[in-house]
Each structure stands twice: as structure tokens, then as C-alpha cells.
Amino acid sequence: MTLVEVLAVVVILGLLAATLAVGFSGAFGKGKHELAKTGIGQIVGRLEVYYMDQSRLA
């Protein structure tokens, strides 16, 4: 193999790695977003239960 062939393979592998890295970073961002939405939903649900308990005691 010549130096040009080796460089071509390295460039192709680098482009592939960069493409995968961008795809994974987008998936992680979406996962964090969904996790935050779930956490907010749990907080809202607990607040509703708290308000119902407080209104029942008053």
C-alpha cells in the first residue's frame, strides 16, 4: 500500500467517525430533554397531590 492509499483510508475513517459523533451528540441531547420533561411532570404531579391534601385539611 502506498502512502496515498493509507491517507485516503484515514480520511474516510475520520469522516465516518465525525458523522457518528454528531449523530450521537444529538441523541444524547434529546435524551436529556426527555428526562427533564419527565422530571417536571413528576414535580407537577406531586404538587397537585400536595395541594389536594392541603385543601382537604383546611
Protein backbone atom coordinates (compact mmCIF):
# COMPACT_ATOMS: atom_id res chain seq x y z
CA MET A 1 0.00 0.00 0.00
CA THR A 2 1.21 3.45 -0.79
CA LEU A 3 1.14 6.46 1.47
CA VAL A 4 -1.71 7.96 -0.58
CA GLU A 5 -3.89 4.90 -0.04
CA VAL A 6 -3.22 4.92 3.71
CA LEU A 7 -4.05 8.63 3.90
CA ALA A 8 -7.28 8.05 1.96
CA VAL A 9 -8.35 5.33 4.39
CA VAL A 10 -7.53 7.55 7.38
CA VAL A 11 -9.55 10.43 5.91
CA ILE A 12 -12.54 8.18 5.22
CA LEU A 13 -12.44 6.75 8.75
CA GLY A 14 -12.19 10.27 10.18
CA LEU A 15 -15.24 11.42 8.22
CA LEU A 16 -17.18 8.37 9.36
CA ALA A 17 -16.21 8.97 13.00
CA ALA A 18 -17.21 12.64 12.76
CA THR A 19 -20.59 11.72 11.29
CA LEU A 20 -21.26 9.21 14.06
CA ALA A 21 -20.16 11.67 16.74
CA VAL A 22 -22.63 14.28 15.51
CA GLY A 23 -25.43 11.70 15.46
CA PHE A 24 -24.69 10.51 18.99
CA SER A 25 -24.46 14.03 20.40
CA GLY A 26 -27.92 14.79 19.01
CA ALA A 27 -29.32 11.62 20.56
CA PHE A 28 -27.83 12.46 23.96
CA GLY A 29 -29.30 15.96 23.81
CA LYS A 30 -32.73 14.56 23.00
CA GLY A 31 -32.43 12.06 25.86
CA LYS A 32 -31.59 14.82 28.33
CA HIS A 33 -34.57 16.83 27.09
CA GLU A 34 -36.95 13.91 27.58
CA LEU A 35 -35.50 13.23 31.04
CA ALA A 36 -36.09 16.85 32.04
CA LYS A 37 -39.69 16.71 30.77
CA THR A 38 -40.30 13.56 32.82
CA GLY A 39 -38.85 15.17 35.94
CA ILE A 40 -41.02 18.25 35.53
CA GLY A 41 -44.08 16.05 35.09
CA GLN A 42 -43.30 14.26 38.34
CA ILE A 43 -42.90 17.55 40.19
CA VAL A 44 -46.23 18.82 38.84
CA GLY A 45 -47.96 15.60 39.89
CA ARG A 46 -46.55 15.80 43.42
CA LEU A 47 -47.57 19.45 43.71
CA GLU A 48 -51.12 18.56 42.71
CA VAL A 49 -51.25 15.85 45.38
CA TYR A 50 -49.85 18.29 47.94
CA TYR A 51 -52.45 20.94 47.06
CA MET A 52 -55.27 18.38 47.28
CA ASP A 53 -54.05 17.24 50.70
CA GLN A 54 -53.77 20.81 51.95
CA SER A 55 -57.23 21.80 50.74
CA ARG A 56 -58.71 18.71 52.36
CA LEU A 57 -57.11 19.60 55.72
CA ALA A 58 -58.25 23.24 55.66
